Amino acid sequence: GNLQELLEAGESPIHEPAFDPDPDDYVSWDYARGFLDGYE
C-alpha cells in the first residue's frame, strides 16, 4: 500500500511505528531481496 501510494501521490504516507511487532516475524528488505534473487 505504501509503494502504491508513493506511485500515485508521489509521496509516502505518514508513518507510525507498528504496535508491538515481533521482530522475528520480519526480515530486512536486503534479506528479502536476496531471498528473491536466489529463488528466481
PDB file of all heavy atoms in Angstrom:
ATOM      1  N   GLY A   1       0.815  -1.214   0.000  1.00  0.00           N
ATOM      2  CA  GLY A   1       0.000   0.000   0.000  1.00  0.00           C
ATOM      3  C   GLY A   1       0.850   1.265   0.000  1.00  0.00           C
ATOM      4  O   GLY A   1       0.535   2.236  -0.698  1.00  0.00           O
ATOM      5  N   ASN A   2       1.933   1.258   0.771  1.00  0.00           N
ATOM      6  CA  ASN A   2       2.822   2.424   0.797  1.00  0.00           C
ATOM      7  C   ASN A   2       3.485   2.647  -0.557  1.00  0.00           C
ATOM      8  O   ASN A   2       3.613   3.793  -1.015  1.00  0.00           O
ATOM      9  CB  ASN A   2       3.890   2.265   1.880  1.00  0.00           C
ATOM     10  CG  ASN A   2       3.357   2.489   3.272  1.00  0.00           C
ATOM     11  OD1 ASN A   2       2.205   2.868   3.461  1.00  0.00           O
ATOM     12  ND2 ASN A   2       4.191   2.240   4.262  1.00  0.00           N
ATOM     13  N   LEU A   3       3.913   1.568  -1.195  1.00  0.00           N
ATOM     14  CA  LEU A   3       4.520   1.699  -2.523  1.00  0.00           C
ATOM     15  C   LEU A   3       3.501   2.215  -3.537  1.00  0.00           C
ATOM     16  O   LEU A   3       3.819   3.069  -4.380  1.00  0.00           O
ATOM     17  CB  LEU A   3       5.097   0.355  -2.979  1.00  0.00           C
ATOM     18  CG  LEU A   3       6.327  -0.134  -2.222  1.00  0.00           C
ATOM     19  CD1 LEU A   3       6.632  -1.586  -2.584  1.00  0.00           C
ATOM     20  CD2 LEU A   3       7.521   0.765  -2.492  1.00  0.00           C
ATOM     21  N   GLN A   4       2.274   1.708  -3.453  1.00  0.00           N
ATOM     22  CA  GLN A   4       1.213   2.163  -4.361  1.00  0.00           C
ATOM     23  C   GLN A   4       0.925   3.652  -4.140  1.00  0.00           C
ATOM     24  O   GLN A   4       0.781   4.400  -5.092  1.00  0.00           O
ATOM     25  CB  GLN A   4      -0.050   1.327  -4.156  1.00  0.00           C
ATOM     26  CG  GLN A   4      -1.090   1.534  -5.212  1.00  0.00           C
ATOM     27  CD  GLN A   4      -0.616   1.085  -6.586  1.00  0.00           C
ATOM     28  OE1 GLN A   4      -0.038   0.009  -6.748  1.00  0.00           O
ATOM     29  NE2 GLN A   4      -0.844   1.914  -7.586  1.00  0.00           N
ATOM     30  N   GLU A   5       0.866   4.067  -2.890  1.00  0.00           N
ATOM     31  CA  GLU A   5       0.640   5.472  -2.558  1.00  0.00           C
ATOM     32  C   GLU A   5       1.768   6.347  -3.093  1.00  0.00           C
ATOM     33  O   GLU A   5       1.531   7.426  -3.636  1.00  0.00           O
ATOM     34  CB  GLU A   5       0.530   5.637  -1.036  1.00  0.00           C
ATOM     35  CG  GLU A   5       0.430   7.058  -0.564  1.00  0.00           C
ATOM     36  CD  GLU A   5      -0.997   7.545  -0.440  1.00  0.00           C
ATOM     37  OE1 GLU A   5      -1.922   6.724  -0.527  1.00  0.00           O
ATOM     38  OE2 GLU A   5      -1.171   8.754  -0.264  1.00  0.00           O
ATOM     39  N   LEU A   6       2.978   5.869  -2.980  1.00  0.00           N
ATOM     40  CA  LEU A   6       4.124   6.606  -3.497  1.00  0.00           C
ATOM     41  C   LEU A   6       4.036   6.751  -5.011  1.00  0.00           C
ATOM     42  O   LEU A   6       4.314   7.819  -5.557  1.00  0.00           O
ATOM     43  CB  LEU A   6       5.418   5.895  -3.089  1.00  0.00           C
ATOM     44  CG  LEU A   6       6.740   6.574  -3.388  1.00  0.00           C
ATOM     45  CD1 LEU A   6       6.786   7.981  -2.801  1.00  0.00           C
ATOM     46  CD2 LEU A   6       7.896   5.746  -2.847  1.00  0.00           C
ATOM     47  N   LEU A   7       3.599   5.690  -5.674  1.00  0.00           N
ATOM     48  CA  LEU A   7       3.413   5.759  -7.137  1.00  0.00           C
ATOM     49  C   LEU A   7       2.314   6.741  -7.526  1.00  0.00           C
ATOM     50  O   LEU A   7       2.464   7.508  -8.477  1.00  0.00           O
ATOM     51  CB  LEU A   7       3.061   4.377  -7.691  1.00  0.00           C
ATOM     52  CG  LEU A   7       4.207   3.498  -8.124  1.00  0.00           C
ATOM     53  CD1 LEU A   7       3.701   2.097  -8.427  1.00  0.00           C
ATOM     54  CD2 LEU A   7       4.931   4.077  -9.317  1.00  0.00           C
ATOM     55  N   GLU A   8       1.204   6.698  -6.806  1.00  0.00           N
ATOM     56  CA  GLU A   8       0.048   7.522  -7.172  1.00  0.00           C
ATOM     57  C   GLU A   8       0.180   8.970  -6.729  1.00  0.00           C
ATOM     58  O   GLU A   8      -0.161   9.881  -7.483  1.00  0.00           O
ATOM     59  CB  GLU A   8      -1.219   6.904  -6.581  1.00  0.00           C
ATOM     60  CG  GLU A   8      -1.579   5.574  -7.214  1.00  0.00           C
ATOM     61  CD  GLU A   8      -2.701   4.853  -6.493  1.00  0.00           C
ATOM     62  OE1 GLU A   8      -3.269   5.405  -5.521  1.00  0.00           O
ATOM     63  OE2 GLU A   8      -3.003   3.715  -6.889  1.00  0.00           O
ATOM     64  N   ALA A   9       0.651   9.192  -5.514  1.00  0.00           N
ATOM     65  CA  ALA A   9       0.678  10.546  -4.966  1.00  0.00           C
ATOM     66  C   ALA A   9       2.067  11.176  -5.003  1.00  0.00           C
ATOM     67  O   ALA A   9       2.198  12.369  -4.768  1.00  0.00           O
ATOM     68  CB  ALA A   9       0.155  10.536  -3.526  1.00  0.00           C
ATOM     69  N   GLY A  10       3.080  10.359  -5.249  1.00  0.00           N
ATOM     70  CA  GLY A  10       4.430  10.893  -5.293  1.00  0.00           C
ATOM     71  C   GLY A  10       5.079  11.022  -3.930  1.00  0.00           C
ATOM     72  O   GLY A  10       6.184  11.540  -3.818  1.00  0.00           O
ATOM     73  N   GLU A  11       4.384  10.588  -2.875  1.00  0.00           N
ATOM     74  CA  GLU A  11       4.972  10.624  -1.538  1.00  0.00           C
ATOM     75  C   GLU A  11       4.419   9.483  -0.702  1.00  0.00           C
ATOM     76  O   GLU A  11       3.324   8.988  -0.946  1.00  0.00           O
ATOM     77  CB  GLU A  11       4.701  11.959  -0.852  1.00  0.00           C
ATOM     78  CG  GLU A  11       3.226  12.270  -0.660  1.00  0.00           C
ATOM     79  CD  GLU A  11       2.989  13.664  -0.088  1.00  0.00           C
ATOM     80  OE1 GLU A  11       3.904  14.489  -0.100  1.00  0.00           O
ATOM     81  OE2 GLU A  11       1.877  13.910   0.373  1.00  0.00           O
ATOM     82  N   SER A  12       5.227   9.086   0.268  1.00  0.00           N
ATOM     83  CA  SER A  12       4.805   8.014   1.171  1.00  0.00           C
ATOM     84  C   SER A  12       3.852   8.579   2.208  1.00  0.00           C
ATOM     85  O   SER A  12       3.987   9.728   2.620  1.00  0.00           O
ATOM     86  CB  SER A  12       6.006   7.426   1.909  1.00  0.00           C
ATOM     87  OG  SER A  12       6.807   6.701   1.023  1.00  0.00           O
ATOM     88  N   PRO A  13       2.916   7.769   2.666  1.00  0.00           N
ATOM     89  CA  PRO A  13       2.033   8.227   3.728  1.00  0.00           C
ATOM     90  C   PRO A  13       2.833   8.431   5.018  1.00  0.00           C
ATOM     91  O   PRO A  13       3.908   7.867   5.199  1.00  0.00           O
ATOM     92  CB  PRO A  13       1.017   7.098   3.885  1.00  0.00           C
ATOM     93  CG  PRO A  13       1.577   5.938   3.168  1.00  0.00           C
ATOM     94  CD  PRO A  13       2.615   6.423   2.222  1.00  0.00           C
ATOM     95  N   ILE A  14       2.291   9.240   5.900  1.00  0.00           N
ATOM     96  CA  ILE A  14       2.929   9.437   7.197  1.00  0.00           C
ATOM     97  C   ILE A  14       2.968   8.092   7.901  1.00  0.00           C
ATOM     98  O   ILE A  14       2.010   7.321   7.853  1.00  0.00           O
ATOM     99  CB  ILE A  14       2.156  10.476   8.034  1.00  0.00           C
ATOM    100  CG1 ILE A  14       2.239  11.830   7.339  1.00  0.00           C
ATOM    101  CG2 ILE A  14       2.693  10.536   9.445  1.00  0.00           C
ATOM    102  CD1 ILE A  14       1.417  12.917   7.994  1.00  0.00           C
ATOM    103  N   HIS A  15       4.077   7.827   8.537  1.00  0.00           N
ATOM    104  CA  HIS A  15       4.234   6.511   9.147  1.00  0.00           C
ATOM    105  C   HIS A  15       4.286   6.609  10.659  1.00  0.00           C
ATOM    106  O   HIS A  15       4.668   7.614  11.221  1.00  0.00           O
ATOM    107  CB  HIS A  15       5.504   5.840   8.635  1.00  0.00           C
ATOM    108  CG  HIS A  15       6.734   6.667   8.838  1.00  0.00           C
ATOM    109  ND1 HIS A  15       7.150   7.589   7.925  1.00  0.00           N
ATOM    110  CD2 HIS A  15       7.617   6.725   9.860  1.00  0.00           C
ATOM    111  CE1 HIS A  15       8.248   8.182   8.364  1.00  0.00           C
ATOM    112  NE2 HIS A  15       8.561   7.684   9.535  1.00  0.00           N
ATOM    113  N   GLU A  16       3.851   5.517  11.250  1.00  0.00           N
ATOM    114  CA  GLU A  16       3.920   5.376  12.699  1.00  0.00           C
ATOM    115  C   GLU A  16       4.492   3.995  12.971  1.00  0.00           C
ATOM    116  O   GLU A  16       4.272   3.068  12.197  1.00  0.00           O
ATOM    117  CB  GLU A  16       2.527   5.484  13.323  1.00  0.00           C
ATOM    118  CG  GLU A  16       1.913   6.850  13.182  1.00  0.00           C
ATOM    119  CD  GLU A  16       0.539   6.924  13.853  1.00  0.00           C
ATOM    120  OE1 GLU A  16       0.257   6.069  14.700  1.00  0.00           O
ATOM    121  OE2 GLU A  16      -0.216   7.824  13.509  1.00  0.00           O
ATOM    122  N   PRO A  17       5.205   3.859  14.073  1.00  0.00           N
ATOM    123  CA  PRO A  17       5.741   2.528  14.396  1.00  0.00           C
ATOM    124  C   PRO A  17       4.600   1.520  14.574  1.00  0.00           C
ATOM    125  O   PRO A  17       3.516   1.869  15.018  1.00  0.00           O
ATOM    126  CB  PRO A  17       6.480   2.745  15.717  1.00  0.00           C
ATOM    127  CG  PRO A  17       6.719   4.219  15.796  1.00  0.00           C
ATOM    128  CD  PRO A  17       5.603   4.868  15.021  1.00  0.00           C
ATOM    129  N   ALA A  18       4.893   0.278  14.197  1.00  0.00           N
ATOM    130  CA  ALA A  18       3.900  -0.784  14.357  1.00  0.00           C
ATOM    131  C   ALA A  18       3.637  -1.016  15.838  1.00  0.00           C
ATOM    132  O   ALA A  18       4.482  -0.752  16.685  1.00  0.00           O
ATOM    133  CB  ALA A  18       4.409  -2.065  13.710  1.00  0.00           C
ATOM    134  N   PHE A  19       2.459  -1.511  16.131  1.00  0.00           N
ATOM    135  CA  PHE A  19       2.077  -1.792  17.512  1.00  0.00           C
ATOM    136  C   PHE A  19       2.663  -3.128  17.932  1.00  0.00           C
ATOM    137  O   PHE A  19       2.250  -4.178  17.448  1.00  0.00           O
ATOM    138  CB  PHE A  19       0.552  -1.802  17.652  1.00  0.00           C
ATOM    139  CG  PHE A  19       0.100  -2.116  19.046  1.00  0.00           C
ATOM    140  CD1 PHE A  19       0.220  -1.169  20.053  1.00  0.00           C
ATOM    141  CD2 PHE A  19      -0.416  -3.355  19.363  1.00  0.00           C
ATOM    142  CE1 PHE A  19      -0.184  -1.453  21.343  1.00  0.00           C
ATOM    143  CE2 PHE A  19      -0.824  -3.656  20.650  1.00  0.00           C
ATOM    144  CZ  PHE A  19      -0.706  -2.694  21.644  1.00  0.00           C
ATOM    145  N   ASP A  20       3.640  -3.104  18.802  1.00  0.00           N
ATOM    146  CA  ASP A  20       4.238  -4.277  19.419  1.00  0.00           C
ATOM    147  C   ASP A  20       4.541  -5.411  18.432  1.00  0.00           C
ATOM    148  O   ASP A  20       4.088  -6.544  18.624  1.00  0.00           O
ATOM    149  CB  ASP A  20       3.319  -4.775  20.535  1.00  0.00           C
ATOM    150  CG  ASP A  20       4.047  -5.687  21.504  1.00  0.00           C
ATOM    151  OD1 ASP A  20       5.283  -5.571  21.628  1.00  0.00           O
ATOM    152  OD2 ASP A  20       3.368  -6.516  22.140  1.00  0.00           O
ATOM    153  N   PRO A  21       5.331  -5.143  17.367  1.00  0.00           N
ATOM    154  CA  PRO A  21       5.639  -6.218  16.412  1.00  0.00           C
ATOM    155  C   PRO A  21       6.654  -7.192  17.003  1.00  0.00           C
ATOM    156  O   PRO A  21       7.464  -6.830  17.856  1.00  0.00           O
ATOM    157  CB  PRO A  21       6.257  -5.462  15.240  1.00  0.00           C
ATOM    158  CG  PRO A  21       6.898  -4.272  15.870  1.00  0.00           C
ATOM    159  CD  PRO A  21       5.983  -3.893  17.011  1.00  0.00           C
ATOM    160  N   ASP A  22       6.589  -8.423  16.563  1.00  0.00           N
ATOM    161  CA  ASP A  22       7.592  -9.416  16.940  1.00  0.00           C
ATOM    162  C   ASP A  22       8.680  -9.375  15.864  1.00  0.00           C
ATOM    163  O   ASP A  22       8.432  -9.768  14.721  1.00  0.00           O
ATOM    164  CB  ASP A  22       6.967 -10.805  17.015  1.00  0.00           C
ATOM    165  CG  ASP A  22       7.961 -11.874  17.435  1.00  0.00           C
ATOM    166  OD1 ASP A  22       9.180 -11.590  17.504  1.00  0.00           O
ATOM    167  OD2 ASP A  22       7.512 -12.998  17.707  1.00  0.00           O
ATOM    168  N   PRO A  23       9.871  -8.877  16.188  1.00  0.00           N
ATOM    169  CA  PRO A  23      10.932  -8.761  15.186  1.00  0.00           C
ATOM    170  C   PRO A  23      11.258 -10.067  14.474  1.00  0.00           C
ATOM    171  O   PRO A  23      11.732 -10.044  13.340  1.00  0.00           O
ATOM    172  CB  PRO A  23      12.142  -8.263  15.994  1.00  0.00           C
ATOM    173  CG  PRO A  23      11.557  -7.606  17.184  1.00  0.00           C
ATOM    174  CD  PRO A  23      10.296  -8.370  17.502  1.00  0.00           C
ATOM    175  N   ASP A  24      10.988 -11.194  15.111  1.00  0.00           N
ATOM    176  CA  ASP A  24      11.252 -12.484  14.471  1.00  0.00           C
ATOM    177  C   ASP A  24      10.321 -12.758  13.293  1.00  0.00           C
ATOM    178  O   ASP A  24      10.581 -13.659  12.493  1.00  0.00           O
ATOM    179  CB  ASP A  24      11.134 -13.628  15.483  1.00  0.00           C
ATOM    180  CG  ASP A  24      12.245 -13.594  16.522  1.00  0.00           C
ATOM    181  OD1 ASP A  24      13.314 -12.993  16.251  1.00  0.00           O
ATOM    182  OD2 ASP A  24      12.042 -14.156  17.614  1.00  0.00           O
ATOM    183  N   ASP A  25       9.241 -11.991  13.189  1.00  0.00           N
ATOM    184  CA  ASP A  25       8.280 -12.174  12.101  1.00  0.00           C
ATOM    185  C   ASP A  25       8.623 -11.343  10.870  1.00  0.00           C
ATOM    186  O   ASP A  25       7.884 -11.369   9.878  1.00  0.00           O
ATOM    187  CB  ASP A  25       6.871 -11.790  12.562  1.00  0.00           C
ATOM    188  CG  ASP A  25       6.313 -12.740  13.604  1.00  0.00           C
ATOM    189  OD1 ASP A  25       6.841 -13.867  13.733  1.00  0.00           O
ATOM    190  OD2 ASP A  25       5.354 -12.355  14.291  1.00  0.00           O
ATOM    191  N   TYR A  26       9.729 -10.591  10.928  1.00  0.00           N
ATOM    192  CA  TYR A  26      10.089  -9.673   9.845  1.00  0.00           C
ATOM    193  C   TYR A  26      11.537  -9.895   9.438  1.00  0.00           C
ATOM    194  O   TYR A  26      12.364 -10.298  10.247  1.00  0.00           O
ATOM    195  CB  TYR A  26       9.892  -8.218  10.294  1.00  0.00           C
ATOM    196  CG  TYR A  26       8.453  -7.895  10.597  1.00  0.00           C
ATOM    197  CD1 TYR A  26       7.889  -8.221  11.828  1.00  0.00           C
ATOM    198  CD2 TYR A  26       7.642  -7.295   9.648  1.00  0.00           C
ATOM    199  CE1 TYR A  26       6.566  -7.951  12.113  1.00  0.00           C
ATOM    200  CE2 TYR A  26       6.311  -7.025   9.915  1.00  0.00           C
ATOM    201  CZ  TYR A  26       5.784  -7.359  11.146  1.00  0.00           C
ATOM    202  OH  TYR A  26       4.467  -7.101  11.410  1.00  0.00           O
ATOM    203  N   VAL A  27      11.813  -9.635   8.178  1.00  0.00           N
ATOM    204  CA  VAL A  27      13.183  -9.708   7.667  1.00  0.00           C
ATOM    205  C   VAL A  27      13.549  -8.360   7.087  1.00  0.00           C
ATOM    206  O   VAL A  27      12.667  -7.563   6.718  1.00  0.00           O
ATOM    207  CB  VAL A  27      13.336 -10.804   6.587  1.00  0.00           C
ATOM    208  CG1 VAL A  27      13.127 -12.190   7.185  1.00  0.00           C
ATOM    209  CG2 VAL A  27      12.418 -10.580   5.400  1.00  0.00           C
ATOM    210  N   SER A  28      14.829  -8.089   6.985  1.00  0.00           N
ATOM    211  CA  SER A  28      15.245  -6.833   6.366  1.00  0.00           C
ATOM    212  C   SER A  28      14.911  -6.868   4.877  1.00  0.00           C
ATOM    213  O   SER A  28      14.794  -7.946   4.277  1.00  0.00           O
ATOM    214  CB  SER A  28      16.751  -6.616   6.564  1.00  0.00           C
ATOM    215  OG  SER A  28      17.490  -7.524   5.763  1.00  0.00           O
ATOM    216  N   TRP A  29      14.779  -5.699   4.293  1.00  0.00           N
ATOM    217  CA  TRP A  29      14.489  -5.626   2.856  1.00  0.00           C
ATOM    218  C   TRP A  29      15.650  -6.243   2.082  1.00  0.00           C
ATOM    219  O   TRP A  29      15.444  -6.914   1.074  1.00  0.00           O
ATOM    220  CB  TRP A  29      14.231  -4.184   2.442  1.00  0.00           C
ATOM    221  CG  TRP A  29      13.844  -4.049   1.009  1.00  0.00           C
ATOM    222  CD1 TRP A  29      14.534  -3.382   0.037  1.00  0.00           C
ATOM    223  CD2 TRP A  29      12.679  -4.576   0.352  1.00  0.00           C
ATOM    224  NE1 TRP A  29      13.878  -3.479  -1.169  1.00  0.00           N
ATOM    225  CE2 TRP A  29      12.739  -4.207  -0.995  1.00  0.00           C
ATOM    226  CE3 TRP A  29      11.602  -5.341   0.791  1.00  0.00           C
ATOM    227  CZ2 TRP A  29      11.759  -4.557  -1.921  1.00  0.00           C
ATOM    228  CZ3 TRP A  29      10.620  -5.706  -0.138  1.00  0.00           C
ATOM    229  CH2 TRP A  29      10.713  -5.312  -1.467  1.00  0.00           C
ATOM    230  N   ASP A  30      16.881  -6.039   2.541  1.00  0.00           N
ATOM    231  CA  ASP A  30      18.041  -6.631   1.864  1.00  0.00           C
ATOM    232  C   ASP A  30      17.954  -8.157   1.877  1.00  0.00           C
ATOM    233  O   ASP A  30      18.230  -8.817   0.878  1.00  0.00           O
ATOM    234  CB  ASP A  30      19.350  -6.188   2.520  1.00  0.00           C
ATOM    235  CG  ASP A  30      19.689  -4.740   2.226  1.00  0.00           C
ATOM    236  OD1 ASP A  30      19.152  -4.182   1.245  1.00  0.00           O
ATOM    237  OD2 ASP A  30      20.498  -4.163   2.981  1.00  0.00           O
ATOM    238  N   TYR A  31      17.576  -8.724   3.023  1.00  0.00           N
ATOM    239  CA  TYR A  31      17.416 -10.168   3.105  1.00  0.00           C
ATOM    240  C   TYR A  31      16.312 -10.631   2.144  1.00  0.00           C
ATOM    241  O   TYR A  31      16.483 -11.604   1.406  1.00  0.00           O
ATOM    242  CB  TYR A  31      17.074 -10.616   4.532  1.00  0.00           C
ATOM    243  CG  TYR A  31      16.783 -12.095   4.606  1.00  0.00           C
ATOM    244  CD1 TYR A  31      17.802 -13.003   4.826  1.00  0.00           C
ATOM    245  CD2 TYR A  31      15.483 -12.586   4.408  1.00  0.00           C
ATOM    246  CE1 TYR A  31      17.546 -14.373   4.874  1.00  0.00           C
ATOM    247  CE2 TYR A  31      15.222 -13.943   4.443  1.00  0.00           C
ATOM    248  CZ  TYR A  31      16.250 -14.828   4.676  1.00  0.00           C
ATOM    249  OH  TYR A  31      15.988 -16.176   4.696  1.00  0.00           O
ATOM    250  N   ALA A  32      15.185  -9.931   2.170  1.00  0.00           N
ATOM    251  CA  ALA A  32      14.057 -10.310   1.313  1.00  0.00           C
ATOM    252  C   ALA A  32      14.451 -10.278  -0.154  1.00  0.00           C
ATOM    253  O   ALA A  32      14.140 -11.200  -0.910  1.00  0.00           O
ATOM    254  CB  ALA A  32      12.865  -9.388   1.575  1.00  0.00           C
ATOM    255  N   ARG A  33      15.146  -9.226  -0.570  1.00  0.00           N
ATOM    256  CA  ARG A  33      15.580  -9.126  -1.972  1.00  0.00           C
ATOM    257  C   ARG A  33      16.586 -10.207  -2.314  1.00  0.00           C
ATOM    258  O   ARG A  33      16.545 -10.787  -3.395  1.00  0.00           O
ATOM    259  CB  ARG A  33      16.167  -7.737  -2.252  1.00  0.00           C
ATOM    260  CG  ARG A  33      15.183  -6.589  -2.182  1.00  0.00           C
ATOM    261  CD  ARG A  33      14.044  -6.708  -3.191  1.00  0.00           C
ATOM    262  NE  ARG A  33      14.479  -6.823  -4.544  1.00  0.00           N
ATOM    263  CZ  ARG A  33      14.589  -5.830  -5.407  1.00  0.00           C
ATOM    264  NH1 ARG A  33      14.294  -4.605  -5.045  1.00  0.00           N
ATOM    265  NH2 ARG A  33      14.994  -6.046  -6.632  1.00  0.00           N
ATOM    266  N   GLY A  34      17.492 -10.510  -1.381  1.00  0.00           N
ATOM    267  CA  GLY A  34      18.451 -11.587  -1.612  1.00  0.00           C
ATOM    268  C   GLY A  34      17.757 -12.934  -1.744  1.00  0.00           C
ATOM    269  O   GLY A  34      18.109 -13.751  -2.601  1.00  0.00           O
ATOM    270  N   PHE A  35      16.776 -13.178  -0.897  1.00  0.00           N
ATOM    271  CA  PHE A  35      15.995 -14.412  -0.971  1.00  0.00           C
ATOM    272  C   PHE A  35      15.325 -14.514  -2.338  1.00  0.00           C
ATOM    273  O   PHE A  35      15.371 -15.552  -2.993  1.00  0.00           O
ATOM    274  CB  PHE A  35      14.941 -14.435   0.135  1.00  0.00           C
ATOM    275  CG  PHE A  35      14.093 -15.675   0.132  1.00  0.00           C
ATOM    276  CD1 PHE A  35      14.477 -16.794   0.854  1.00  0.00           C
ATOM    277  CD2 PHE A  35      12.907 -15.720  -0.602  1.00  0.00           C
ATOM    278  CE1 PHE A  35      13.691 -17.943   0.849  1.00  0.00           C
ATOM    279  CE2 PHE A  35      12.129 -16.864  -0.618  1.00  0.00           C
ATOM    280  CZ  PHE A  35      12.524 -17.977   0.107  1.00  0.00           C
ATOM    281  N   LEU A  36      14.716 -13.416  -2.769  1.00  0.00           N
ATOM    282  CA  LEU A  36      14.022 -13.405  -4.049  1.00  0.00           C
ATOM    283  C   LEU A  36      14.994 -13.608  -5.206  1.00  0.00           C
ATOM    284  O   LEU A  36      14.706 -14.371  -6.129  1.00  0.00           O
ATOM    285  CB  LEU A  36      13.260 -12.084  -4.214  1.00  0.00           C
ATOM    286  CG  LEU A  36      12.333 -11.976  -5.402  1.00  0.00           C
ATOM    287  CD1 LEU A  36      11.299 -13.087  -5.409  1.00  0.00           C
ATOM    288  CD2 LEU A  36      11.642 -10.616  -5.389  1.00  0.00           C
ATOM    289  N   ASP A  37      16.152 -12.963  -5.146  1.00  0.00           N
ATOM    290  CA  ASP A  37      17.158 -13.153  -6.197  1.00  0.00           C
ATOM    291  C   ASP A  37      17.583 -14.614  -6.289  1.00  0.00           C
ATOM    292  O   ASP A  37      17.700 -15.168  -7.378  1.00  0.00           O
ATOM    293  CB  ASP A  37      18.380 -12.269  -5.951  1.00  0.00           C
ATOM    294  CG  ASP A  37      18.110 -10.802  -6.223  1.00  0.00           C
ATOM    295  OD1 ASP A  37      17.100 -10.484  -6.884  1.00  0.00           O
ATOM    296  OD2 ASP A  37      18.920  -9.962  -5.767  1.00  0.00           O
ATOM    297  N   GLY A  38      17.811 -15.227  -5.122  1.00  0.00           N
ATOM    298  CA  GLY A  38      18.191 -16.632  -5.114  1.00  0.00           C
ATOM    299  C   GLY A  38      17.084 -17.524  -5.646  1.00  0.00           C
ATOM    300  O   GLY A  38      17.328 -18.445  -6.426  1.00  0.00           O
ATOM    301  N   TYR A  39      15.864 -17.234  -5.246  1.00  0.00           N
ATOM    302  CA  TYR A  39      14.712 -18.017  -5.696  1.00  0.00           C
ATOM    303  C   TYR A  39      14.551 -17.929  -7.212  1.00  0.00           C
ATOM    304  O   TYR A  39      14.323 -18.932  -7.879  1.00  0.00           O
ATOM    305  CB  TYR A  39      13.450 -17.519  -4.997  1.00  0.00           C
ATOM    306  CG  TYR A  39      12.201 -18.240  -5.423  1.00  0.00           C
ATOM    307  CD1 TYR A  39      11.873 -19.463  -4.857  1.00  0.00           C
ATOM    308  CD2 TYR A  39      11.356 -17.700  -6.388  1.00  0.00           C
ATOM    309  CE1 TYR A  39      10.727 -20.140  -5.250  1.00  0.00           C
ATOM    310  CE2 TYR A  39      10.213 -18.369  -6.779  1.00  0.00           C
ATOM    311  CZ  TYR A  39       9.904 -19.584  -6.218  1.00  0.00           C
ATOM    312  OH  TYR A  39       8.780 -20.242  -6.619  1.00  0.00           O
ATOM    313  N   GLU A  40      14.697 -16.716  -7.736  1.00  0.00           N
ATOM    314  CA  GLU A  40      14.487 -16.510  -9.170  1.00  0.00           C
ATOM    315  C   GLU A  40      15.651 -17.005 -10.016  1.00  0.00           C
ATOM    316  O   GLU A  40      15.498 -17.200 -11.212  1.00  0.00           O
ATOM    317  CB  GLU A  40      14.213 -15.035  -9.451  1.00  0.00           C
ATOM    318  CG  GLU A  40      12.870 -14.589  -8.925  1.00  0.00           C
ATOM    319  CD  GLU A  40      12.601 -13.110  -9.101  1.00  0.00           C
ATOM    320  OE1 GLU A  40      13.556 -12.332  -9.322  1.00  0.00           O
ATOM    321  OE2 GLU A  40      11.423 -12.728  -9.015  1.00  0.00           O
TER     322      GLU A  40
END
